[in-house]
C-alpha atoms as a PDB file:
ATOM      1  CA  UNK A   1      38.283 -27.027 -38.604  1.00  0.00           C
ATOM      2  CA  UNK A   2      41.421 -26.154 -36.863  1.00  0.00           C
ATOM      3  CA  UNK A   3      41.757 -26.028 -33.137  1.00  0.00           C
ATOM      4  CA  UNK A   4      42.456 -22.318 -33.237  1.00  0.00           C
ATOM      5  CA  UNK A   5      39.076 -21.505 -34.822  1.00  0.00           C
ATOM      6  CA  UNK A   6      37.152 -23.347 -32.058  1.00  0.00           C
ATOM      7  CA  UNK A   7      38.920 -21.419 -29.299  1.00  0.00           C
ATOM      8  CA  UNK A   8      37.822 -18.028 -30.679  1.00  0.00           C
ATOM      9  CA  UNK A   9      34.145 -19.046 -31.076  1.00  0.00           C
ATOM     10  CA  UNK A  10      32.021 -17.127 -28.468  1.00  0.00           C
ATOM     11  CA  UNK A  11      28.519 -17.661 -29.833  1.00  0.00           C
ATOM     12  CA  UNK A  12      27.568 -20.054 -27.009  1.00  0.00           C
ATOM     13  CA  UNK A  13      28.683 -17.683 -24.256  1.00  0.00           C
ATOM     14  CA  UNK A  14      26.268 -14.983 -25.402  1.00  0.00           C
ATOM     15  CA  UNK A  15      23.379 -17.441 -25.123  1.00  0.00           C
ATOM     16  CA  UNK A  16      24.496 -18.543 -21.661  1.00  0.00           C
ATOM     17  CA  UNK A  17      24.811 -14.948 -20.442  1.00  0.00           C
ATOM     18  CA  UNK A  18      21.370 -14.160 -21.827  1.00  0.00           C
ATOM     19  CA  UNK A  19      19.877 -17.235 -20.113  1.00  0.00           C
ATOM     20  CA  UNK A  20      21.269 -16.065 -16.765  1.00  0.00           C
ATOM     21  CA  UNK A  21      20.590 -12.331 -17.140  1.00  0.00           C
ATOM     22  CA  UNK A  22      16.925 -12.454 -18.216  1.00  0.00           C
ATOM     23  CA  UNK A  23      15.575 -14.296 -15.131  1.00  0.00           C
ATOM     24  CA  UNK A  24      17.620 -12.042 -12.844  1.00  0.00           C
ATOM     25  CA  UNK A  25      16.272  -8.958 -14.602  1.00  0.00           C
ATOM     26  CA  UNK A  26      12.692 -10.245 -14.361  1.00  0.00           C
ATOM     27  CA  UNK A  27      13.144 -10.935 -10.645  1.00  0.00           C
ATOM     28  CA  UNK A  28      14.403  -7.400  -9.989  1.00  0.00           C
ATOM     29  CA  UNK A  29      11.582  -5.935 -12.086  1.00  0.00           C
ATOM     30  CA  UNK A  30       9.021  -7.981 -10.155  1.00  0.00           C
ATOM     31  CA  UNK A  31      10.417  -6.780  -6.836  1.00  0.00           C
ATOM     32  CA  UNK A  32      10.301  -3.154  -7.954  1.00  0.00           C
ATOM     33  CA  UNK A  33       6.709  -3.456  -9.184  1.00  0.00           C
ATOM     34  CA  UNK A  34       5.672  -5.219  -5.959  1.00  0.00           C
ATOM     35  CA  UNK A  35       7.272  -2.518  -3.839  1.00  0.00           C
ATOM     36  CA  UNK A  36       5.516   0.225  -5.788  1.00  0.00           C
ATOM     37  CA  UNK A  37       2.195  -1.603  -5.422  1.00  0.00           C
ATOM     38  CA  UNK A  38       2.655  -1.989  -1.652  1.00  0.00           C
ATOM     39  CA  UNK A  39       3.608   1.673  -1.290  1.00  0.00           C
ATOM     40  CA  UNK A  40       0.588   2.815  -3.291  1.00  0.00           C
ATOM     41  CA  UNK A  41      -1.715   0.676  -1.140  1.00  0.00           C
ATOM     42  CA  UNK A  42      -0.209   2.100   2.044  1.00  0.00           C
ATOM     43  CA  UNK A  43      -0.661   5.660   0.791  1.00  0.00           C
ATOM     44  CA  UNK A  44      -4.298   4.929  -0.100  1.00  0.00           C
ATOM     45  CA  UNK A  45      -4.976   3.376   3.314  1.00  0.00           C
ATOM     46  CA  UNK A  46      -3.294   6.277   5.117  1.00  0.00           C
ATOM     47  CA  UNK A  47      -5.448   8.769   3.199  1.00  0.00           C
ATOM     48  CA  UNK A  48      -8.559   6.720   3.978  1.00  0.00           C
ATOM     49  CA  UNK A  49      -7.704   6.520   7.686  1.00  0.00           C
ATOM     50  CA  UNK A  50      -7.049  10.272   7.801  1.00  0.00           C
ATOM     51  CA  UNK A  51     -10.350  11.080   6.113  1.00  0.00           C
ATOM     52  CA  UNK A  52     -12.343   8.713   8.334  1.00  0.00           C
ATOM     53  CA  UNK A  53     -10.679   9.972  11.525  1.00  0.00           C
ATOM     54  CA  UNK A  54     -11.398  13.624  10.645  1.00  0.00           C
ATOM     55  CA  UNK A  55     -15.010  12.900   9.686  1.00  0.00           C
ATOM     56  CA  UNK A  56     -15.728  10.804  12.772  1.00  0.00           C
ATOM     57  CA  UNK A  57     -13.920  13.245  15.084  1.00  0.00           C
ATOM     58  CA  UNK A  58     -16.291  16.004  14.046  1.00  0.00           C
ATOM     59  CA  UNK A  59     -19.341  13.700  14.267  1.00  0.00           C
ATOM     60  CA  UNK A  60     -19.990  12.979  10.570  1.00  0.00           C
ATOM     61  CA  UNK A  61     -20.341   9.216  10.865  1.00  0.00           C
ATOM     62  CA  UNK A  62     -22.615   9.062   7.795  1.00  0.00           C
ATOM     63  CA  UNK A  63     -19.973  10.711   5.610  1.00  0.00           C
ATOM     64  CA  UNK A  64     -17.287   8.488   7.147  1.00  0.00           C
ATOM     65  CA  UNK A  65     -19.308   5.403   6.214  1.00  0.00           C
ATOM     66  CA  UNK A  66     -19.742   6.742   2.689  1.00  0.00           C
ATOM     67  CA  UNK A  67     -15.992   7.333   2.417  1.00  0.00           C
ATOM     68  CA  UNK A  68     -15.322   3.759   3.554  1.00  0.00           C
ATOM     69  CA  UNK A  69     -17.725   2.360   0.972  1.00  0.00           C
ATOM     70  CA  UNK A  70     -15.951   4.307  -1.810  1.00  0.00           C
ATOM     71  CA  UNK A  71     -12.620   2.612  -1.089  1.00  0.00           C
ATOM     72  CA  UNK A  72     -11.644  -0.342  -3.253  1.00  0.00           C
ATOM     73  CA  UNK A  73     -11.507  -3.601  -1.363  1.00  0.00           C
ATOM     74  CA  UNK A  74     -12.689  -4.071   2.177  1.00  0.00           C
ATOM     75  CA  UNK A  75     -10.187  -2.613   4.626  1.00  0.00           C
ATOM     76  CA  UNK A  76     -10.418  -3.547   8.292  1.00  0.00           C
ATOM     77  CA  UNK A  77     -10.934  -0.415  10.386  1.00  0.00           C
ATOM     78  CA  UNK A  78      -9.931  -0.094  14.030  1.00  0.00           C
ATOM     79  CA  UNK A  79     -10.429   2.981  16.183  1.00  0.00           C
ATOM     80  CA  UNK A  80      -8.742   4.169  19.363  1.00  0.00           C
ATOM     81  CA  UNK A  81      -9.515   7.269  21.374  1.00  0.00           C
ATOM     82  CA  UNK A  82      -7.072   8.785  23.825  1.00  0.00           C
ATOM     83  CA  UNK A  83      -6.879  12.250  25.310  1.00  0.00           C
ATOM     84  CA  UNK A  84      -9.350  13.845  22.916  1.00  0.00           C
ATOM     85  CA  UNK A  85      -7.713  12.356  19.832  1.00  0.00           C
ATOM     86  CA  UNK A  86      -9.368   9.745  17.620  1.00  0.00           C
ATOM     87  CA  UNK A  87      -6.985   7.482  15.710  1.00  0.00           C
ATOM     88  CA  UNK A  88      -8.136   5.212  12.892  1.00  0.00           C
ATOM     89  CA  UNK A  89      -6.058   2.369  11.464  1.00  0.00           C
ATOM     90  CA  UNK A  90      -7.075   0.949   8.083  1.00  0.00           C
ATOM     91  CA  UNK A  91      -5.602  -2.447   7.213  1.00  0.00           C
ATOM     92  CA  UNK A  92      -5.949  -4.267   3.911  1.00  0.00           C
ATOM     93  CA  UNK A  93      -4.209  -6.467   1.387  1.00  0.00           C
ATOM     94  CA  UNK A  94      -2.639  -4.971  -1.756  1.00  0.00           C
ATOM     95  CA  UNK A  95      -4.248  -7.040  -4.513  1.00  0.00           C
ATOM     96  CA  UNK A  96      -4.944 -10.599  -5.541  1.00  0.00           C
ATOM     97  CA  UNK A  97      -1.861 -12.518  -6.551  1.00  0.00           C
ATOM     98  CA  UNK A  98       1.498 -13.145  -4.927  1.00  0.00           C
ATOM     99  CA  UNK A  99       1.179 -10.122  -2.618  1.00  0.00           C
ATOM    100  CA  UNK A 100      -2.296 -11.056  -1.333  1.00  0.00           C
ATOM    101  CA  UNK A 101      -1.061 -12.676   1.914  1.00  0.00           C
ATOM    102  CA  UNK A 102       0.672  -9.427   2.927  1.00  0.00           C
ATOM    103  CA  UNK A 103      -1.177  -6.900   5.073  1.00  0.00           C
ATOM    104  CA  UNK A 104      -0.629  -3.162   4.693  1.00  0.00           C
ATOM    105  CA  UNK A 105      -1.848  -0.538   7.154  1.00  0.00           C
ATOM    106  CA  UNK A 106      -2.322   3.205   7.220  1.00  0.00           C
ATOM    107  CA  UNK A 107      -3.052   5.376  10.266  1.00  0.00           C
ATOM    108  CA  UNK A 108      -4.695   8.747  10.684  1.00  0.00           C
ATOM    109  CA  UNK A 109      -5.563  10.764  13.791  1.00  0.00           C
ATOM    110  CA  UNK A 110      -7.736  13.818  14.440  1.00  0.00           C
ATOM    111  CA  UNK A 111      -8.712  15.928  17.437  1.00  0.00           C
ATOM    112  CA  UNK A 112     -12.262  15.265  18.569  1.00  0.00           C
ATOM    113  CA  UNK A 113     -14.520  18.301  18.219  1.00  0.00           C
ATOM    114  CA  UNK A 114     -16.542  18.801  21.390  1.00  0.00           C
ATOM    115  CA  UNK A 115     -19.593  20.962  20.852  1.00  0.00           C
ATOM    116  CA  UNK A 116     -21.452  21.471  24.107  1.00  0.00           C
ATOM    117  CA  UNK A 117     -24.352  23.725  25.096  1.00  0.00           C
ATOM    118  CA  UNK A 118     -22.266  26.871  25.609  1.00  0.00           C
ATOM    119  CA  UNK A 119     -19.749  26.370  22.815  1.00  0.00           C
ATOM    120  CA  UNK A 120     -20.000  27.418  19.217  1.00  0.00           C
ATOM    121  CA  UNK A 121     -19.259  24.836  16.568  1.00  0.00           C
ATOM    122  CA  UNK A 122     -16.392  25.787  14.184  1.00  0.00           C
END
């Protein structure tokens, strides 16, 4: 072989570029999938917290408990009441795997329905 034919040979550079590009692409894909999974979990927890806060604010604790039992996983529920508003925060982890140590939370608030002796319930 002549020296000129070795200089124009690029078959090894394609392999090297592929070896660098594939792990980088997989890393970006993993980050995108993880972000989507975290966002979906936060949306689900926010919907759960909103439902539970509305049900408990109107006095339907049995339905609120049923709604909590329907949710996948076991979210931690905390409640705060201030100025006639009940706020519920649902906290949970996304899924088993690399994201399991992360905690995601969703919050929902509702006005407490007061039905006294002289008031009509809505």
